[in-house]
Amino acid sequence: MKTTPARATLPVWSPWRTVIWFGIVSLSADMVYEGARSITGPYLASLGASALVVGVVTGAGEAAALVLRLVFGPLADRSGAYWPLTIVGYGMTAVCVPLMAVAPFLGGVGLAFGATMVLLERTGKAVRSPSKSALLAHAARSVGRGKGFAVHKALDQVGAFAGPLLVAGVVALTTHTWAGLAALAVPAVAAMVLLAVIRVRVPDMRVYDAPEPASLETGSGEADVALDVPAPPAGAAPTSTAVAAGRHRLPREFHLFALSCAASTLGLMTFGLIGFHLSDAGLVRPALVPVVYAVAMAVEAVSALATGLRYDRVGPRVLLVLPFLVALVPLLALANQLAVALVGVLIWGAAVGVQDSTVKALVADLVPAPRLATAYGVFAAWQGAAALAGGLLAGALYGGGRWDLVVVLGACQVASLVLLVVVLRRRDG
């Protein structure tokens, strides 16, 4: 008897509804981990950590959040476990951040416990991101991936703006850092409940895709490339997802684009260094630095939305603005005049918005669907390595003055621009 393919099942939700709900999940989750990141330094210091320990823990956490996607992206494509990995990754954030509030009551082991929670939370980001991006890419396919990723990122950044402000408000009222972290349990629970609803309503995101080519047909003659297929037992035939993934290599244009974005990331200073400069130069009181960060997050949301909408209208040429934005950051953000430095912070937020959102739309357009999670994992690993190298480079050059950073980081953007132009020409040709 002929079986009905899963693709024939109409989705319960429209594509836009799914994209928006995913965005609200990210909004809630961003409140949790961006709220925690805004206070991680003072939190670890309150547990007895030195500046070196704070630097090592936070640096290792950011590296884990990016580089480990190289593991979890391919794992998602091989196993088809996109939903389980997404749920586990969000769950790690939802559990670990509120548990950070327990550390001050653990005595001598409090610092080790707190540092472990920071690292596990960042690892959760690596676990979920490739799978979540792959699911979102399918949901956004019919509405325009530029718009889909842009709307998702804009909602995401609302949480990134609100989380630090929530923590700052709770800490101001209670005078306890741990209380601000404990308050993040509320959006953490909300994120997990919302994610569960999406999983129930749209368990297979391939319902939003166009029909697959005949080469991916199963023995019944129907397309069967599931997004949530468990790994086959030993000795069994591989699933169609695994077979499809094995038939597609990541194209050369993708690797060139990953190198272009890595060069851009290499030259994009972290907000940690910018915040250090604002405080060290006496431009902003340390207590107000998180507020400046929150404003940058708001700009990031607007930038992601604007460039995502332009992506769907004019194509990936909109990404040519990224190297120019990044090159302006050290020139302005490290100035000794408050107004100029704040303009630099706004440009930093705009650059991060493009880099964290719109570039993902081009990744999805360059890579075959069965290799999306792998591609996002590889892409993030390049960015993670570049972020580590860029942090060391910017930190080493900071003492030599702003112009050293302007020249060296500007050279990185020239390389990024050249590679991006090559990618766009090869893609259009």
Protein backbone atom coordinates (compact mmCIF):
# COMPACT_ATOMS: atom_id res chain seq x y z
CA MET A 1 0.00 0.00 0.00
CA LYS A 2 1.30 3.43 -0.88
CA THR A 3 2.25 5.50 2.13
CA THR A 4 1.53 9.20 2.46
CA PRO A 5 4.71 11.24 2.69
CA ALA A 6 5.19 13.51 5.68
CA ARG A 7 5.66 16.43 3.29
CA ALA A 8 2.04 16.11 2.19
CA THR A 9 0.89 16.98 5.71
CA LEU A 10 -0.06 20.64 5.87
CA PRO A 11 1.61 22.64 8.65
CA VAL A 12 -0.58 23.63 11.57
CA TRP A 13 1.06 27.07 11.62
CA SER A 14 1.93 29.47 8.82
CA PRO A 15 5.65 30.01 8.15
CA TRP A 16 5.54 33.53 9.60
CA ARG A 17 3.88 32.32 12.77
CA THR A 18 6.60 29.73 13.26
CA VAL A 19 9.38 32.26 12.60
CA ILE A 20 7.87 34.71 15.08
CA TRP A 21 7.40 32.07 17.77
CA PHE A 22 11.01 30.99 17.32
CA GLY A 23 11.93 34.65 17.71
CA ILE A 24 9.98 34.88 20.97
CA VAL A 25 11.80 31.78 22.25
CA SER A 26 15.09 33.47 21.43
CA LEU A 27 13.85 36.69 23.06
CA SER A 28 13.20 34.84 26.32
CA ALA A 29 16.46 32.88 26.14
CA ASP A 30 18.45 36.03 25.33
CA MET A 31 17.06 37.69 28.42
CA VAL A 32 18.58 34.81 30.33
CA TYR A 33 22.06 34.54 28.89
CA GLU A 34 22.62 38.18 27.92
CA GLY A 35 21.43 39.15 31.38
CA ALA A 36 23.98 36.76 32.82
CA ARG A 37 26.77 37.93 30.48
CA SER A 38 26.19 41.55 31.48
CA ILE A 39 27.08 40.72 35.07
CA THR A 40 29.39 37.69 34.79
CA GLY A 41 32.54 39.69 35.55
CA PRO A 42 31.30 41.25 38.82
CA TYR A 43 29.61 37.94 39.72
CA LEU A 44 32.83 35.93 39.43
CA ALA A 45 34.77 38.67 41.22
CA SER A 46 32.30 38.49 44.12
CA LEU A 47 33.14 34.79 44.39
CA GLY A 48 36.85 35.59 44.76
CA ALA A 49 38.00 35.41 41.13
CA SER A 50 40.96 37.49 39.99
CA ALA A 51 40.93 39.46 36.74
CA LEU A 52 42.91 36.64 35.12
CA VAL A 53 40.37 34.03 36.18
CA VAL A 54 37.50 36.18 34.93
CA GLY A 55 39.26 36.59 31.59
CA VAL A 56 40.00 32.89 31.24
CA VAL A 57 36.48 31.76 32.16
CA THR A 58 34.63 34.25 29.98
CA GLY A 59 37.05 33.79 27.08
CA ALA A 60 36.79 30.01 27.26
CA GLY A 61 33.01 30.32 27.41
CA GLU A 62 32.81 32.38 24.24
CA ALA A 63 35.19 30.02 22.47
CA ALA A 64 33.05 27.03 23.51
CA ALA A 65 29.87 28.75 22.29
CA LEU A 66 31.33 29.08 18.79
CA VAL A 67 33.96 26.40 18.21
CA LEU A 68 31.93 23.49 19.59
CA ARG A 69 29.30 24.11 16.92
CA LEU A 70 31.74 22.36 14.60
CA VAL A 71 30.87 19.21 16.57
CA PHE A 72 27.15 19.69 17.06
CA GLY A 73 26.38 20.89 13.53
CA PRO A 74 27.57 17.72 11.79
CA LEU A 75 26.04 15.65 14.60
CA ALA A 76 22.65 17.15 13.81
CA ASP A 77 22.96 16.42 10.09
CA ARG A 78 24.14 12.83 10.66
CA SER A 79 21.52 11.95 13.26
CA GLY A 80 18.62 14.10 12.12
CA ALA A 81 18.14 15.11 15.79
CA TYR A 82 17.58 18.79 15.09
CA TRP A 83 14.78 19.19 17.59
CA PRO A 84 16.39 17.21 20.45
CA LEU A 85 19.65 19.16 20.15
CA THR A 86 17.77 22.45 20.05
CA ILE A 87 15.79 21.56 23.16
CA VAL A 88 18.82 20.27 25.09
CA GLY A 89 20.83 23.38 24.24
CA TYR A 90 18.12 25.76 25.39
CA GLY A 91 17.60 23.61 28.48
CA MET A 92 21.26 23.97 29.47
CA THR A 93 20.92 27.76 29.44
CA ALA A 94 17.58 27.66 31.26
CA VAL A 95 19.07 25.54 34.06
CA CYS A 96 22.64 26.80 34.39
CA VAL A 97 22.01 30.56 34.60
CA PRO A 98 19.57 30.44 37.54
CA LEU A 99 21.86 27.91 39.25
CA MET A 100 24.64 30.53 39.16
CA ALA A 101 22.69 32.23 41.97
CA VAL A 102 23.47 29.29 44.25
CA ALA A 103 27.27 29.73 44.11
CA PRO A 104 27.60 32.44 46.83
CA PHE A 105 26.10 30.01 49.36
CA LEU A 106 28.53 27.15 48.61
CA GLY A 107 31.54 28.47 50.48
CA GLY A 108 34.95 27.45 49.17
CA VAL A 109 33.58 25.64 46.11
CA GLY A 110 31.40 28.54 45.05
CA LEU A 111 33.86 29.93 42.51
CA ALA A 112 34.44 26.54 40.87
CA PHE A 113 30.68 25.93 40.73
CA GLY A 114 29.95 29.37 39.31
CA ALA A 115 32.67 29.06 36.66
CA THR A 116 31.35 25.63 35.69
CA MET A 117 27.84 27.01 35.24
CA VAL A 118 29.17 29.80 33.01
CA LEU A 119 31.01 27.30 30.80
CA LEU A 120 28.06 24.88 30.62
CA GLU A 121 25.68 27.69 29.67
CA ARG A 122 27.96 28.76 26.80
CA THR A 123 28.27 25.11 25.74
CA GLY A 124 24.47 24.97 25.55
CA LYS A 125 24.65 27.77 23.00
CA ALA A 126 26.92 25.59 20.84
CA VAL A 127 24.64 22.56 21.22
CA ARG A 128 21.50 24.33 19.99
CA SER A 129 22.63 26.97 17.51
CA PRO A 130 23.35 24.89 14.36
CA SER A 131 20.15 22.86 14.74
CA LYS A 132 18.05 25.90 15.58
CA SER A 133 19.44 27.79 12.57
CA ALA A 134 18.70 24.83 10.29
CA LEU A 135 15.12 24.60 11.57
CA LEU A 136 14.65 28.34 11.17
CA ALA A 137 16.11 28.26 7.64
CA HIS A 138 13.40 25.78 6.61
CA ALA A 139 10.63 27.76 8.30
CA ALA A 140 11.79 31.00 6.66
CA ARG A 141 12.28 29.55 3.17
CA SER A 142 8.88 30.53 1.78
CA VAL A 143 8.75 33.99 3.40
CA GLY A 144 12.30 35.00 2.44
CA ARG A 145 15.30 33.95 4.48
CA GLY A 146 16.60 37.48 4.74
CA LYS A 147 13.33 38.67 6.29
CA GLY A 148 12.95 35.51 8.36
CA PHE A 149 16.39 35.70 9.95
CA ALA A 150 16.03 39.47 10.36
CA VAL A 151 12.72 39.27 12.22
CA HIS A 152 14.06 36.45 14.36
CA LYS A 153 17.18 38.46 15.18
CA ALA A 154 15.17 41.60 15.98
CA LEU A 155 13.05 39.68 18.50
CA ASP A 156 16.19 38.01 19.80
CA GLN A 157 17.77 41.40 20.47
CA VAL A 158 14.75 42.67 22.36
CA GLY A 159 15.68 40.02 24.91
CA ALA A 160 19.34 41.00 24.73
CA PHE A 161 18.27 44.56 25.58
CA ALA A 162 15.78 43.64 28.31
CA GLY A 163 17.86 40.98 30.09
CA PRO A 164 20.71 43.25 31.29
CA LEU A 165 18.20 45.92 32.33
CA LEU A 166 16.21 43.35 34.33
CA VAL A 167 19.37 42.18 36.11
CA ALA A 168 20.52 45.74 36.77
CA GLY A 169 17.13 46.63 38.24
CA VAL A 170 17.00 43.61 40.54
CA VAL A 171 20.58 44.13 41.71
CA ALA A 172 19.90 47.81 42.34
CA LEU A 173 16.88 46.91 44.48
CA THR A 174 18.47 44.05 46.41
CA THR A 175 22.22 44.93 46.27
CA HIS A 176 22.85 41.22 45.58
CA THR A 177 24.31 39.96 42.30
CA TRP A 178 22.89 36.50 42.86
CA ALA A 179 19.35 37.92 43.08
CA GLY A 180 19.62 39.30 39.55
CA LEU A 181 20.66 35.88 38.28
CA ALA A 182 17.85 34.15 40.18
CA ALA A 183 15.29 36.47 38.57
CA LEU A 184 16.31 35.11 35.16
CA ALA A 185 14.59 31.82 36.04
CA VAL A 186 11.30 33.40 34.92
CA PRO A 187 12.23 34.02 31.26
CA ALA A 188 14.12 30.70 31.30
CA VAL A 189 10.93 28.78 32.07
CA ALA A 190 9.02 30.83 29.50
CA ALA A 191 11.56 29.94 26.79
CA MET A 192 11.25 26.21 27.43
CA VAL A 193 7.43 26.27 27.48
CA LEU A 194 7.28 28.21 24.21
CA LEU A 195 9.79 25.87 22.58
CA ALA A 196 7.72 22.87 23.60
CA VAL A 197 4.63 24.42 21.99
CA ILE A 198 6.46 24.94 18.67
CA ARG A 199 7.75 21.35 18.77
CA VAL A 200 4.20 20.03 19.22
CA ARG A 201 2.66 22.28 16.57
CA VAL A 202 5.33 21.89 13.87
CA PRO A 203 7.36 18.75 14.60
CA ASP A 204 8.81 18.58 11.08
CA MET A 205 9.96 21.86 9.53
CA ARG A 206 10.27 20.31 6.07
CA VAL A 207 6.56 20.96 5.56
CA TYR A 208 7.59 24.52 4.63
CA ASP A 209 10.00 23.38 1.92
CA ALA A 210 9.41 23.04 -1.79
CA PRO A 211 9.29 19.42 -3.08
CA GLU A 212 12.67 17.67 -3.06
CA PRO A 213 14.38 16.45 -6.24
CA ALA A 214 13.64 12.94 -7.43
CA SER A 215 17.17 11.87 -6.47
CA LEU A 216 16.09 12.01 -2.83
CA GLU A 217 13.09 9.71 -3.27
CA THR A 218 12.66 6.63 -1.17
CA GLY A 219 11.63 3.20 -2.30
CA SER A 220 7.97 4.19 -2.10
CA GLY A 221 8.56 6.89 -4.69
CA GLU A 222 7.91 9.69 -2.22
CA ALA A 223 10.36 12.32 -0.96
CA ASP A 224 11.48 11.53 2.55
CA VAL A 225 14.15 13.82 3.96
CA ALA A 226 13.10 14.25 7.56
CA LEU A 227 14.44 16.91 9.88
CA ASP A 228 14.01 14.82 12.98
CA VAL A 229 15.01 11.26 12.25
CA PRO A 230 16.82 9.22 14.89
CA ALA A 231 20.13 7.61 14.05
CA PRO A 232 19.70 4.11 12.63
CA PRO A 233 20.76 1.14 14.76
CA ALA A 234 24.04 -0.59 14.03
CA GLY A 235 23.88 -2.56 10.79
CA ALA A 236 20.69 -0.87 9.60
CA ALA A 237 20.43 1.09 6.41
CA PRO A 238 21.16 4.78 6.87
CA THR A 239 18.29 7.23 7.03
CA SER A 240 17.48 9.32 3.99
CA THR A 241 18.73 12.41 5.87
CA ALA A 242 22.13 10.84 6.40
CA VAL A 243 22.27 9.64 2.79
CA ALA A 244 21.35 13.10 1.50
CA ALA A 245 23.93 14.74 3.75
CA GLY A 246 26.60 12.39 2.46
CA ARG A 247 25.82 13.26 -1.18
CA HIS A 248 26.49 16.97 -0.73
CA ARG A 249 29.82 18.62 -0.04
CA LEU A 250 30.04 22.13 1.30
CA PRO A 251 30.70 24.26 -1.78
CA ARG A 252 33.87 26.28 -2.29
CA GLU A 253 31.87 29.52 -2.20
CA PHE A 254 30.76 28.68 1.33
CA HIS A 255 34.34 28.22 2.52
CA LEU A 256 35.40 31.52 0.94
CA PHE A 257 32.45 33.24 2.60
CA ALA A 258 33.37 31.70 5.95
CA LEU A 259 36.90 33.06 5.54
CA SER A 260 35.51 36.49 4.66
CA CYS A 261 33.37 36.59 7.80
CA ALA A 262 36.28 35.26 9.88
CA ALA A 263 38.43 38.16 8.68
CA SER A 264 35.59 40.51 9.60
CA THR A 265 35.29 38.94 13.05
CA LEU A 266 39.04 39.15 13.53
CA GLY A 267 38.77 42.91 13.20
CA LEU A 268 35.60 43.40 15.24
CA MET A 269 36.57 44.18 18.81
CA THR A 270 34.61 42.65 21.67
CA PHE A 271 32.42 44.91 23.77
CA GLY A 272 34.59 43.91 26.71
CA LEU A 273 37.47 45.94 25.31
CA ILE A 274 35.18 48.81 24.35
CA GLY A 275 33.63 48.84 27.81
CA PHE A 276 37.08 48.75 29.38
CA HIS A 277 38.06 51.81 27.33
CA LEU A 278 34.90 53.73 28.25
CA SER A 279 35.60 53.15 31.93
CA ASP A 280 39.40 53.43 31.83
CA ALA A 281 39.28 56.73 29.94
CA GLY A 282 36.76 58.14 32.40
CA LEU A 283 34.08 58.58 29.74
CA VAL A 284 31.40 56.45 31.43
CA ARG A 285 31.01 55.31 35.02
CA PRO A 286 31.43 51.52 35.36
CA ALA A 287 27.86 51.15 36.62
CA LEU A 288 26.55 52.64 33.38
CA VAL A 289 28.55 50.42 31.02
CA PRO A 290 25.78 47.72 30.99
CA VAL A 291 23.30 50.41 29.93
CA VAL A 292 25.56 51.33 26.99
CA TYR A 293 25.69 47.62 26.13
CA ALA A 294 21.89 47.42 26.21
CA VAL A 295 21.65 50.35 23.77
CA ALA A 296 24.12 48.60 21.45
CA MET A 297 21.89 45.52 21.56
CA ALA A 298 18.92 47.63 20.48
CA VAL A 299 20.91 48.98 17.53
CA GLU A 300 21.90 45.42 16.67
CA ALA A 301 18.22 44.48 16.41
CA VAL A 302 17.42 47.37 14.07
CA SER A 303 20.49 46.62 11.93
CA ALA A 304 19.59 42.95 11.61
CA LEU A 305 16.03 43.77 10.58
CA ALA A 306 17.03 46.47 8.07
CA THR A 307 19.75 44.47 6.33
CA GLY A 308 17.63 41.32 6.33
CA LEU A 309 14.83 43.13 4.51
CA ARG A 310 17.33 44.55 2.01
CA TYR A 311 18.81 41.07 1.51
CA ASP A 312 15.51 39.79 0.14
CA ARG A 313 15.22 42.81 -2.19
CA VAL A 314 18.76 43.30 -3.53
CA GLY A 315 20.40 40.00 -2.60
CA PRO A 316 23.65 39.35 -0.72
CA ARG A 317 25.24 42.55 -2.03
CA VAL A 318 23.86 44.18 1.11
CA LEU A 319 26.60 42.36 3.04
CA LEU A 320 29.23 44.56 1.39
CA VAL A 321 28.49 47.15 4.06
CA LEU A 322 29.85 44.91 6.83
CA PRO A 323 33.63 45.42 6.35
CA PHE A 324 33.14 49.20 6.23
CA LEU A 325 31.15 49.21 9.46
CA VAL A 326 33.71 47.06 11.25
CA ALA A 327 36.60 49.24 10.06
CA LEU A 328 34.97 52.32 11.65
CA VAL A 329 34.64 50.76 15.12
CA PRO A 330 38.22 51.18 16.45
CA LEU A 331 38.47 54.62 14.87
CA LEU A 332 35.41 55.91 16.74
CA ALA A 333 34.72 53.66 19.75
CA LEU A 334 38.23 54.14 21.18
CA ALA A 335 38.14 57.93 20.91
CA ASN A 336 38.64 60.05 24.03
CA GLN A 337 35.51 62.11 23.38
CA LEU A 338 32.30 60.61 24.77
CA ALA A 339 30.07 61.58 21.83
CA VAL A 340 32.48 60.09 19.28
CA ALA A 341 32.95 56.92 21.33
CA LEU A 342 29.19 56.44 21.66
CA VAL A 343 28.80 56.74 17.88
CA GLY A 344 31.43 54.02 17.61
CA VAL A 345 29.44 51.83 20.00
CA LEU A 346 26.33 52.29 17.86
CA ILE A 347 28.27 51.28 14.74
CA TRP A 348 29.63 48.26 16.64
CA GLY A 349 26.05 47.21 17.40
CA ALA A 350 25.07 47.66 13.75
CA ALA A 351 28.01 45.53 12.58
CA VAL A 352 27.19 42.76 15.05
CA GLY A 353 23.58 42.80 13.84
CA VAL A 354 24.67 42.09 10.27
CA GLN A 355 27.25 39.54 11.34
CA ASP A 356 24.96 37.57 13.63
CA SER A 357 21.90 37.53 11.41
CA THR A 358 21.97 38.46 7.73
CA VAL A 359 25.13 36.50 6.95
CA LYS A 360 23.24 33.35 7.95
CA ALA A 361 20.80 33.92 5.10
CA LEU A 362 23.63 33.71 2.56
CA VAL A 363 24.98 30.57 4.24
CA ALA A 364 21.55 28.96 3.73
CA ASP A 365 21.53 30.05 0.08
CA LEU A 366 25.02 28.68 -0.59
CA VAL A 367 24.65 25.27 1.05
CA PRO A 368 22.43 22.22 0.20
CA ALA A 369 19.62 21.78 2.72
CA PRO A 370 20.85 18.41 4.11
CA ARG A 371 24.15 20.10 5.10
CA LEU A 372 22.77 23.24 6.73
CA ALA A 373 23.55 22.37 10.35
CA THR A 374 27.05 21.24 9.38
CA ALA A 375 27.58 24.48 7.50
CA TYR A 376 26.43 26.59 10.43
CA GLY A 377 28.73 24.61 12.71
CA VAL A 378 31.75 25.08 10.44
CA PHE A 379 30.88 28.74 9.97
CA ALA A 380 30.66 29.34 13.72
CA ALA A 381 33.94 27.51 14.32
CA TRP A 382 35.70 29.89 11.93
CA GLN A 383 34.11 32.82 13.72
CA GLY A 384 35.05 31.44 17.13
CA ALA A 385 38.69 30.98 16.18
CA ALA A 386 38.74 34.47 14.67
CA ALA A 387 37.12 35.96 17.78
CA LEU A 388 39.79 34.43 20.01
CA ALA A 389 42.59 35.65 17.75
CA GLY A 390 40.94 39.05 17.38
CA GLY A 391 40.59 39.45 21.13
CA LEU A 392 44.28 38.70 21.65
CA LEU A 393 45.25 40.99 18.78
CA ALA A 394 43.11 43.91 19.96
CA GLY A 395 44.24 43.48 23.56
CA ALA A 396 47.90 43.47 22.55
CA LEU A 397 47.52 46.53 20.31
CA TYR A 398 45.34 48.57 22.68
CA GLY A 399 48.30 49.79 24.72
CA GLY A 400 49.98 51.16 21.61
CA GLY A 401 47.16 53.58 20.89
CA ARG A 402 44.05 53.77 18.77
CA TRP A 403 45.81 54.17 15.42
CA ASP A 404 47.62 50.84 15.69
CA LEU A 405 44.23 49.17 16.00
CA VAL A 406 42.74 51.24 13.19
CA VAL A 407 45.47 50.21 10.75
CA VAL A 408 45.75 46.51 11.63
CA LEU A 409 42.03 45.84 12.04
CA GLY A 410 41.32 47.88 8.91
CA ALA A 411 43.63 45.58 6.97
CA CYS A 412 41.51 42.64 8.15
CA GLN A 413 38.46 44.33 6.66
CA VAL A 414 40.17 44.82 3.31
CA ALA A 415 40.79 41.07 3.20
CA SER A 416 37.17 40.42 4.22
CA LEU A 417 35.86 42.70 1.47
CA VAL A 418 38.01 41.10 -1.25
CA LEU A 419 36.88 37.59 -0.30
CA LEU A 420 33.24 38.66 -0.16
CA VAL A 421 33.42 40.20 -3.63
CA VAL A 422 34.92 36.95 -4.96
CA VAL A 423 32.06 34.95 -3.39
CA LEU A 424 29.39 37.21 -4.86
CA ARG A 425 30.94 37.10 -8.33
CA ARG A 426 31.25 33.30 -8.29
CA ARG A 427 27.68 32.98 -7.05
CA ASP A 428 26.27 35.32 -9.70
CA GLY A 429 28.46 33.79 -12.41
